[in-house]
């Protein structure tokens, strides 16, 4: 079964911390196991067998939608801060 996961952070340039599924279970994988171009905030479709990552692909649509939501929130915060000045 495939789950959604987001790259939470990359540690020491060699390991990526993924938050997997609705429960956001933390999984640490070698960055070399991930598709090229993956960075923090990238959404993936993954499948693990036991503790091994056996399938992974970038979810471009979810990555773009998430980035847009974050951008909207940041703009709303900036507007709110400017009104308070």
PDB file of N, CA and C in Angstrom:
ATOM      1  N   UNK A   1       0.839  -1.184   0.000  1.00  0.00           N
ATOM      2  CA  UNK A   1       0.000   0.000   0.000  1.00  0.00           C
ATOM      3  C   UNK A   1       0.884   1.248   0.000  1.00  0.00           C
ATOM      4  N   UNK A   2       0.524   2.229  -0.811  1.00  0.00           N
ATOM      5  CA  UNK A   2       1.310   3.455  -0.905  1.00  0.00           C
ATOM      6  C   UNK A   2       0.725   4.515   0.017  1.00  0.00           C
ATOM      7  N   UNK A   3       1.622   5.262   0.629  1.00  0.00           N
ATOM      8  CA  UNK A   3       1.241   6.353   1.515  1.00  0.00           C
ATOM      9  C   UNK A   3       1.786   7.654   0.971  1.00  0.00           C
ATOM     10  N   UNK A   4       1.214   8.742   1.449  1.00  0.00           N
ATOM     11  CA  UNK A   4       1.792  10.057   1.180  1.00  0.00           C
ATOM     12  C   UNK A   4       2.808  10.342   2.271  1.00  0.00           C
ATOM     13  N   UNK A   5       3.843  11.061   1.886  1.00  0.00           N
ATOM     14  CA  UNK A   5       4.874  11.451   2.850  1.00  0.00           C
ATOM     15  C   UNK A   5       5.421  12.803   2.423  1.00  0.00           C
ATOM     16  N   UNK A   6       5.896  13.550   3.391  1.00  0.00           N
ATOM     17  CA  UNK A   6       6.543  14.821   3.096  1.00  0.00           C
ATOM     18  C   UNK A   6       7.951  14.777   3.654  1.00  0.00           C
ATOM     19  N   UNK A   7       8.879  15.370   2.912  1.00  0.00           N
ATOM     20  CA  UNK A   7      10.246  15.473   3.399  1.00  0.00           C
ATOM     21  C   UNK A   7      10.253  16.600   4.432  1.00  0.00           C
ATOM     22  N   UNK A   8      10.397  16.231   5.685  1.00  0.00           N
ATOM     23  CA  UNK A   8      10.383  17.201   6.775  1.00  0.00           C
ATOM     24  C   UNK A   8      11.707  17.947   6.846  1.00  0.00           C
ATOM     25  N   UNK A   9      12.788  17.186   6.765  1.00  0.00           N
ATOM     26  CA  UNK A   9      14.109  17.812   6.816  1.00  0.00           C
ATOM     27  C   UNK A   9      15.159  16.843   6.289  1.00  0.00           C
ATOM     28  N   UNK A  10      16.283  17.431   5.892  1.00  0.00           N
ATOM     29  CA  UNK A  10      17.432  16.638   5.466  1.00  0.00           C
ATOM     30  C   UNK A  10      18.535  16.900   6.475  1.00  0.00           C
ATOM     31  N   UNK A  11      19.027  15.807   7.039  1.00  0.00           N
ATOM     32  CA  UNK A  11      20.012  15.890   8.116  1.00  0.00           C
ATOM     33  C   UNK A  11      21.363  15.441   7.581  1.00  0.00           C
ATOM     34  N   UNK A  12      22.379  16.192   7.868  1.00  0.00           N
ATOM     35  CA  UNK A  12      23.777  15.903   7.528  1.00  0.00           C
ATOM     36  C   UNK A  12      24.014  15.658   6.039  1.00  0.00           C
ATOM     37  N   UNK A  13      23.056  16.067   5.203  1.00  0.00           N
ATOM     38  CA  UNK A  13      23.207  15.910   3.762  1.00  0.00           C
ATOM     39  C   UNK A  13      23.066  14.484   3.275  1.00  0.00           C
ATOM     40  N   UNK A  14      22.851  13.548   4.191  1.00  0.00           N
ATOM     41  CA  UNK A  14      22.799  12.131   3.818  1.00  0.00           C
ATOM     42  C   UNK A  14      21.491  11.442   4.163  1.00  0.00           C
ATOM     43  N   UNK A  15      20.763  11.987   5.120  1.00  0.00           N
ATOM     44  CA  UNK A  15      19.527  11.346   5.569  1.00  0.00           C
ATOM     45  C   UNK A  15      18.355  12.313   5.469  1.00  0.00           C
ATOM     46  N   UNK A  16      17.224  11.770   5.043  1.00  0.00           N
ATOM     47  CA  UNK A  16      16.004  12.566   4.969  1.00  0.00           C
ATOM     48  C   UNK A  16      15.025  12.025   6.000  1.00  0.00           C
ATOM     49  N   UNK A  17      14.378  12.947   6.708  1.00  0.00           N
ATOM     50  CA  UNK A  17      13.338  12.576   7.656  1.00  0.00           C
ATOM     51  C   UNK A  17      12.008  12.782   6.950  1.00  0.00           C
ATOM     52  N   UNK A  18      11.278  11.692   6.782  1.00  0.00           N
ATOM     53  CA  UNK A  18       9.968  11.731   6.143  1.00  0.00           C
ATOM     54  C   UNK A  18       8.883  11.631   7.206  1.00  0.00           C
ATOM     55  N   UNK A  19       7.799  12.368   7.013  1.00  0.00           N
ATOM     56  CA  UNK A  19       6.608  12.211   7.839  1.00  0.00           C
ATOM     57  C   UNK A  19       5.601  11.477   6.962  1.00  0.00           C
ATOM     58  N   UNK A  20       5.266  10.254   7.355  1.00  0.00           N
ATOM     59  CA  UNK A  20       4.515   9.342   6.496  1.00  0.00           C
ATOM     60  C   UNK A  20       3.086   9.144   6.998  1.00  0.00           C
ATOM     61  N   UNK A  21       2.142   9.237   6.054  1.00  0.00           N
ATOM     62  CA  UNK A  21       0.749   8.930   6.330  1.00  0.00           C
ATOM     63  C   UNK A  21       0.047   9.986   7.158  1.00  0.00           C
ATOM     64  N   UNK A  22      -1.237   9.714   7.457  1.00  0.00           N
ATOM     65  CA  UNK A  22      -2.051  10.632   8.255  1.00  0.00           C
ATOM     66  C   UNK A  22      -1.458  10.853   9.638  1.00  0.00           C
ATOM     67  N   UNK A  23      -0.850   9.804  10.184  1.00  0.00           N
ATOM     68  CA  UNK A  23      -0.279   9.886  11.532  1.00  0.00           C
ATOM     69  C   UNK A  23       1.067  10.591  11.554  1.00  0.00           C
ATOM     70  N   UNK A  24       1.608  10.871  10.381  1.00  0.00           N
ATOM     71  CA  UNK A  24       2.913  11.515  10.222  1.00  0.00           C
ATOM     72  C   UNK A  24       4.004  10.774  10.995  1.00  0.00           C
ATOM     73  N   UNK A  25       4.072   9.471  10.742  1.00  0.00           N
ATOM     74  CA  UNK A  25       5.101   8.635  11.355  1.00  0.00           C
ATOM     75  C   UNK A  25       6.448   9.038  10.786  1.00  0.00           C
ATOM     76  N   UNK A  26       7.411   9.265  11.655  1.00  0.00           N
ATOM     77  CA  UNK A  26       8.740   9.695  11.229  1.00  0.00           C
ATOM     78  C   UNK A  26       9.549   8.496  10.752  1.00  0.00           C
ATOM     79  N   UNK A  27      10.053   8.598   9.526  1.00  0.00           N
ATOM     80  CA  UNK A  27      10.919   7.559   8.956  1.00  0.00           C
ATOM     81  C   UNK A  27      12.173   8.232   8.426  1.00  0.00           C
ATOM     82  N   UNK A  28      13.299   7.643   8.682  1.00  0.00           N
ATOM     83  CA  UNK A  28      14.575   8.188   8.211  1.00  0.00           C
ATOM     84  C   UNK A  28      15.083   7.294   7.089  1.00  0.00           C
ATOM     85  N   UNK A  29      15.373   7.932   5.951  1.00  0.00           N
ATOM     86  CA  UNK A  29      15.873   7.185   4.794  1.00  0.00           C
ATOM     87  C   UNK A  29      17.121   7.869   4.247  1.00  0.00           C
ATOM     88  N   UNK A  30      17.912   7.116   3.539  1.00  0.00           N
ATOM     89  CA  UNK A  30      19.097   7.648   2.873  1.00  0.00           C
ATOM     90  C   UNK A  30      18.640   8.524   1.715  1.00  0.00           C
ATOM     91  N   UNK A  31      19.208   9.710   1.577  1.00  0.00           N
ATOM     92  CA  UNK A  31      18.803  10.626   0.509  1.00  0.00           C
ATOM     93  C   UNK A  31      19.023   9.998  -0.864  1.00  0.00           C
ATOM     94  N   UNK A  32      19.978   9.109  -0.978  1.00  0.00           N
ATOM     95  CA  UNK A  32      20.241   8.459  -2.258  1.00  0.00           C
ATOM     96  C   UNK A  32      19.096   7.557  -2.698  1.00  0.00           C
ATOM     97  N   UNK A  33      18.196   7.207  -1.788  1.00  0.00           N
ATOM     98  CA  UNK A  33      17.030   6.379  -2.124  1.00  0.00           C
ATOM     99  C   UNK A  33      15.887   7.215  -2.694  1.00  0.00           C
ATOM    100  N   UNK A  34      16.015   8.530  -2.639  1.00  0.00           N
ATOM    101  CA  UNK A  34      14.948   9.428  -3.081  1.00  0.00           C
ATOM    102  C   UNK A  34      15.215   9.936  -4.492  1.00  0.00           C
ATOM    103  N   UNK A  35      14.152  10.318  -5.210  1.00  0.00           N
ATOM    104  CA  UNK A  35      14.343  10.854  -6.563  1.00  0.00           C
ATOM    105  C   UNK A  35      15.183  12.137  -6.537  1.00  0.00           C
ATOM    106  N   UNK A  36      15.880  12.370  -7.612  1.00  0.00           N
ATOM    107  CA  UNK A  36      16.689  13.576  -7.732  1.00  0.00           C
ATOM    108  C   UNK A  36      15.802  14.816  -7.644  1.00  0.00           C
ATOM    109  N   UNK A  37      16.289  15.840  -6.970  1.00  0.00           N
ATOM    110  CA  UNK A  37      15.552  17.093  -6.857  1.00  0.00           C
ATOM    111  C   UNK A  37      14.690  17.198  -5.618  1.00  0.00           C
ATOM    112  N   UNK A  38      14.629  16.137  -4.828  1.00  0.00           N
ATOM    113  CA  UNK A  38      13.834  16.166  -3.598  1.00  0.00           C
ATOM    114  C   UNK A  38      14.494  17.102  -2.601  1.00  0.00           C
ATOM    115  N   UNK A  39      13.663  17.914  -1.935  1.00  0.00           N
ATOM    116  CA  UNK A  39      14.163  18.809  -0.894  1.00  0.00           C
ATOM    117  C   UNK A  39      13.111  18.905   0.195  1.00  0.00           C
ATOM    118  N   UNK A  40      13.406  19.643   1.234  1.00  0.00           N
ATOM    119  CA  UNK A  40      12.452  19.811   2.324  1.00  0.00           C
ATOM    120  C   UNK A  40      11.147  20.383   1.775  1.00  0.00           C
ATOM    121  N   UNK A  41      10.025  19.797   2.198  1.00  0.00           N
ATOM    122  CA  UNK A  41       8.726  20.246   1.728  1.00  0.00           C
ATOM    123  C   UNK A  41       8.206  19.498   0.515  1.00  0.00           C
ATOM    124  N   UNK A  42       9.031  18.651  -0.086  1.00  0.00           N
ATOM    125  CA  UNK A  42       8.590  17.858  -1.229  1.00  0.00           C
ATOM    126  C   UNK A  42       7.676  16.734  -0.750  1.00  0.00           C
ATOM    127  N   UNK A  43       6.538  16.579  -1.431  1.00  0.00           N
ATOM    128  CA  UNK A  43       5.608  15.490  -1.117  1.00  0.00           C
ATOM    129  C   UNK A  43       5.919  14.302  -1.995  1.00  0.00           C
ATOM    130  N   UNK A  44       5.768  13.120  -1.413  1.00  0.00           N
ATOM    131  CA  UNK A  44       6.090  11.874  -2.097  1.00  0.00           C
ATOM    132  C   UNK A  44       4.948  10.881  -1.959  1.00  0.00           C
ATOM    133  N   UNK A  45       4.929   9.909  -2.869  1.00  0.00           N
ATOM    134  CA  UNK A  45       4.112   8.711  -2.702  1.00  0.00           C
ATOM    135  C   UNK A  45       5.117   7.593  -2.442  1.00  0.00           C
ATOM    136  N   UNK A  46       4.951   6.922  -1.304  1.00  0.00           N
ATOM    137  CA  UNK A  46       5.951   5.945  -0.877  1.00  0.00           C
ATOM    138  C   UNK A  46       5.295   4.620  -0.500  1.00  0.00           C
ATOM    139  N   UNK A  47       6.125   3.581  -0.534  1.00  0.00           N
ATOM    140  CA  UNK A  47       5.700   2.282  -0.013  1.00  0.00           C
ATOM    141  C   UNK A  47       6.885   1.688   0.729  1.00  0.00           C
ATOM    142  N   UNK A  48       6.607   1.295   1.953  1.00  0.00           N
ATOM    143  CA  UNK A  48       7.616   0.652   2.787  1.00  0.00           C
ATOM    144  C   UNK A  48       7.243  -0.813   2.976  1.00  0.00           C
ATOM    145  N   UNK A  49       8.226  -1.664   2.980  1.00  0.00           N
ATOM    146  CA  UNK A  49       8.068  -3.057   3.407  1.00  0.00           C
ATOM    147  C   UNK A  49       8.969  -3.203   4.614  1.00  0.00           C
ATOM    148  N   UNK A  50       8.342  -3.532   5.730  1.00  0.00           N
ATOM    149  CA  UNK A  50       9.023  -3.495   7.017  1.00  0.00           C
ATOM    150  C   UNK A  50       9.572  -2.073   7.178  1.00  0.00           C
ATOM    151  N   UNK A  51      10.857  -1.920   7.340  1.00  0.00           N
ATOM    152  CA  UNK A  51      11.421  -0.579   7.494  1.00  0.00           C
ATOM    153  C   UNK A  51      12.146  -0.115   6.237  1.00  0.00           C
ATOM    154  N   UNK A  52      11.955  -0.825   5.134  1.00  0.00           N
ATOM    155  CA  UNK A  52      12.678  -0.516   3.905  1.00  0.00           C
ATOM    156  C   UNK A  52      11.779   0.204   2.904  1.00  0.00           C
ATOM    157  N   UNK A  53      12.288   1.304   2.378  1.00  0.00           N
ATOM    158  CA  UNK A  53      11.597   2.053   1.337  1.00  0.00           C
ATOM    159  C   UNK A  53      11.754   1.284   0.028  1.00  0.00           C
ATOM    160  N   UNK A  54      10.631   0.825  -0.542  1.00  0.00           N
ATOM    161  CA  UNK A  54      10.717   0.012  -1.759  1.00  0.00           C
ATOM    162  C   UNK A  54      10.159   0.725  -2.985  1.00  0.00           C
ATOM    163  N   UNK A  55       9.321   1.751  -2.779  1.00  0.00           N
ATOM    164  CA  UNK A  55       8.806   2.548  -3.899  1.00  0.00           C
ATOM    165  C   UNK A  55       8.724   3.998  -3.459  1.00  0.00           C
ATOM    166  N   UNK A  56       9.096   4.888  -4.370  1.00  0.00           N
ATOM    167  CA  UNK A  56       8.991   6.319  -4.070  1.00  0.00           C
ATOM    168  C   UNK A  56       8.894   7.098  -5.368  1.00  0.00           C
ATOM    169  N   UNK A  57       7.994   8.057  -5.392  1.00  0.00           N
ATOM    170  CA  UNK A  57       7.914   8.994  -6.511  1.00  0.00           C
ATOM    171  C   UNK A  57       7.437  10.337  -5.975  1.00  0.00           C
ATOM    172  N   UNK A  58       7.864  11.393  -6.628  1.00  0.00           N
ATOM    173  CA  UNK A  58       7.461  12.738  -6.221  1.00  0.00           C
ATOM    174  C   UNK A  58       6.004  12.962  -6.583  1.00  0.00           C
ATOM    175  N   UNK A  59       5.254  13.526  -5.644  1.00  0.00           N
ATOM    176  CA  UNK A  59       3.867  13.923  -5.889  1.00  0.00           C
ATOM    177  C   UNK A  59       3.907  15.419  -6.207  1.00  0.00           C
ATOM    178  N   UNK A  60       4.077  15.732  -7.476  1.00  0.00           N
ATOM    179  CA  UNK A  60       4.238  17.120  -7.901  1.00  0.00           C
ATOM    180  C   UNK A  60       3.013  17.968  -7.572  1.00  0.00           C
ATOM    181  N   UNK A  61       1.831  17.415  -7.766  1.00  0.00           N
ATOM    182  CA  UNK A  61       0.612  18.178  -7.513  1.00  0.00           C
ATOM    183  C   UNK A  61       0.492  18.556  -6.031  1.00  0.00           C
ATOM    184  N   UNK A  62       0.688  17.591  -5.143  1.00  0.00           N
ATOM    185  CA  UNK A  62       0.597  17.873  -3.705  1.00  0.00           C
ATOM    186  C   UNK A  62       1.679  18.858  -3.269  1.00  0.00           C
ATOM    187  N   UNK A  63       2.872  18.733  -3.842  1.00  0.00           N
ATOM    188  CA  UNK A  63       3.964  19.648  -3.510  1.00  0.00           C
ATOM    189  C   UNK A  63       3.593  21.077  -3.900  1.00  0.00           C
ATOM    190  N   UNK A  64       3.032  21.258  -5.097  1.00  0.00           N
ATOM    191  CA  UNK A  64       2.638  22.591  -5.556  1.00  0.00           C
ATOM    192  C   UNK A  64       1.492  23.152  -4.731  1.00  0.00           C
ATOM    193  N   UNK A  65       0.494  22.321  -4.428  1.00  0.00           N
ATOM    194  CA  UNK A  65      -0.647  22.783  -3.634  1.00  0.00           C
ATOM    195  C   UNK A  65      -0.218  23.181  -2.228  1.00  0.00           C
ATOM    196  N   UNK A  66       0.673  22.415  -1.636  1.00  0.00           N
ATOM    197  CA  UNK A  66       1.164  22.717  -0.298  1.00  0.00           C
ATOM    198  C   UNK A  66       1.953  24.026  -0.296  1.00  0.00           C
ATOM    199  N   UNK A  67       2.800  24.210  -1.290  1.00  0.00           N
ATOM    200  CA  UNK A  67       3.580  25.447  -1.390  1.00  0.00           C
ATOM    201  C   UNK A  67       2.665  26.652  -1.549  1.00  0.00           C
ATOM    202  N   UNK A  68       1.593  26.497  -2.327  1.00  0.00           N
ATOM    203  CA  UNK A  68       0.634  27.596  -2.530  1.00  0.00           C
ATOM    204  C   UNK A  68      -0.087  27.928  -1.224  1.00  0.00           C
ATOM    205  N   UNK A  69      -0.486  26.903  -0.456  1.00  0.00           N
ATOM    206  CA  UNK A  69      -1.154  27.141   0.837  1.00  0.00           C
ATOM    207  C   UNK A  69      -0.229  27.887   1.796  1.00  0.00           C
ATOM    208  N   UNK A  70       1.015  27.475   1.841  1.00  0.00           N
ATOM    209  CA  UNK A  70       1.981  28.125   2.726  1.00  0.00           C
ATOM    210  C   UNK A  70       2.186  29.575   2.304  1.00  0.00           C
ATOM    211  N   UNK A  71       2.298  29.813   1.004  1.00  0.00           N
ATOM    212  CA  UNK A  71       2.473  31.170   0.491  1.00  0.00           C
ATOM    213  C   UNK A  71       1.288  32.052   0.870  1.00  0.00           C
ATOM    214  N   UNK A  72       0.063  31.519   0.736  1.00  0.00           N
ATOM    215  CA  UNK A  72      -1.135  32.278   1.102  1.00  0.00           C
ATOM    216  C   UNK A  72      -1.132  32.631   2.589  1.00  0.00           C
ATOM    217  N   UNK A  73      -0.743  31.683   3.424  1.00  0.00           N
ATOM    218  CA  UNK A  73      -0.699  31.942   4.870  1.00  0.00           C
ATOM    219  C   UNK A  73       0.347  33.001   5.206  1.00  0.00           C
ATOM    220  N   UNK A  74       1.491  32.925   4.548  1.00  0.00           N
ATOM    221  CA  UNK A  74       2.550  33.911   4.800  1.00  0.00           C
ATOM    222  C   UNK A  74       2.082  35.308   4.391  1.00  0.00           C
ATOM    223  N   UNK A  75       1.406  35.411   3.263  1.00  0.00           N
ATOM    224  CA  UNK A  75       0.900  36.705   2.803  1.00  0.00           C
ATOM    225  C   UNK A  75      -0.155  37.249   3.765  1.00  0.00           C
ATOM    226  N   UNK A  76      -1.023  36.392   4.275  1.00  0.00           N
ATOM    227  CA  UNK A  76      -2.044  36.821   5.243  1.00  0.00           C
ATOM    228  C   UNK A  76      -1.382  37.335   6.518  1.00  0.00           C
ATOM    229  N   UNK A  77      -0.338  36.667   6.973  1.00  0.00           N
ATOM    230  CA  UNK A  77       0.385  37.117   8.174  1.00  0.00           C
ATOM    231  C   UNK A  77       1.055  38.463   7.939  1.00  0.00           C
ATOM    232  N   UNK A  78       1.633  38.657   6.758  1.00  0.00           N
ATOM    233  CA  UNK A  78       2.272  39.939   6.441  1.00  0.00           C
ATOM    234  C   UNK A  78       1.239  41.066   6.424  1.00  0.00           C
ATOM    235  N   UNK A  79       0.088  40.798   5.808  1.00  0.00           N
ATOM    236  CA  UNK A  79      -0.971  41.815   5.765  1.00  0.00           C
ATOM    237  C   UNK A  79      -1.445  42.157   7.178  1.00  0.00           C
ATOM    238  N   UNK A  80      -1.615  41.158   8.013  1.00  0.00           N
ATOM    239  CA  UNK A  80      -2.077  41.372   9.376  1.00  0.00           C
ATOM    240  C   UNK A  80      -1.046  42.205  10.161  1.00  0.00           C
ATOM    241  N   UNK A  81       0.234  41.896   9.951  1.00  0.00           N
ATOM    242  CA  UNK A  81       1.287  42.633  10.641  1.00  0.00           C
ATOM    243  C   UNK A  81       1.330  44.086  10.189  1.00  0.00           C
ATOM    244  N   UNK A  82       1.134  44.328   8.885  1.00  0.00           N
ATOM    245  CA  UNK A  82       1.139  45.694   8.365  1.00  0.00           C
ATOM    246  C   UNK A  82      -0.047  46.506   8.901  1.00  0.00           C
ATOM    247  N   UNK A  83      -1.193  45.862   9.070  1.00  0.00           N
ATOM    248  CA  UNK A  83      -2.368  46.554   9.618  1.00  0.00           C
ATOM    249  C   UNK A  83      -2.131  46.959  11.064  1.00  0.00           C
ATOM    250  N   UNK A  84      -1.354  46.183  11.786  1.00  0.00           N
ATOM    251  CA  UNK A  84      -1.118  46.452  13.203  1.00  0.00           C
ATOM    252  C   UNK A  84      -0.085  47.531  13.452  1.00  0.00           C
ATOM    253  N   UNK A  85       0.564  48.009  12.422  1.00  0.00           N
ATOM    254  CA  UNK A  85       1.616  49.034  12.601  1.00  0.00           C
ATOM    255  C   UNK A  85       1.026  50.405  12.736  1.00  0.00           C
TER     256      UNK A  85
END
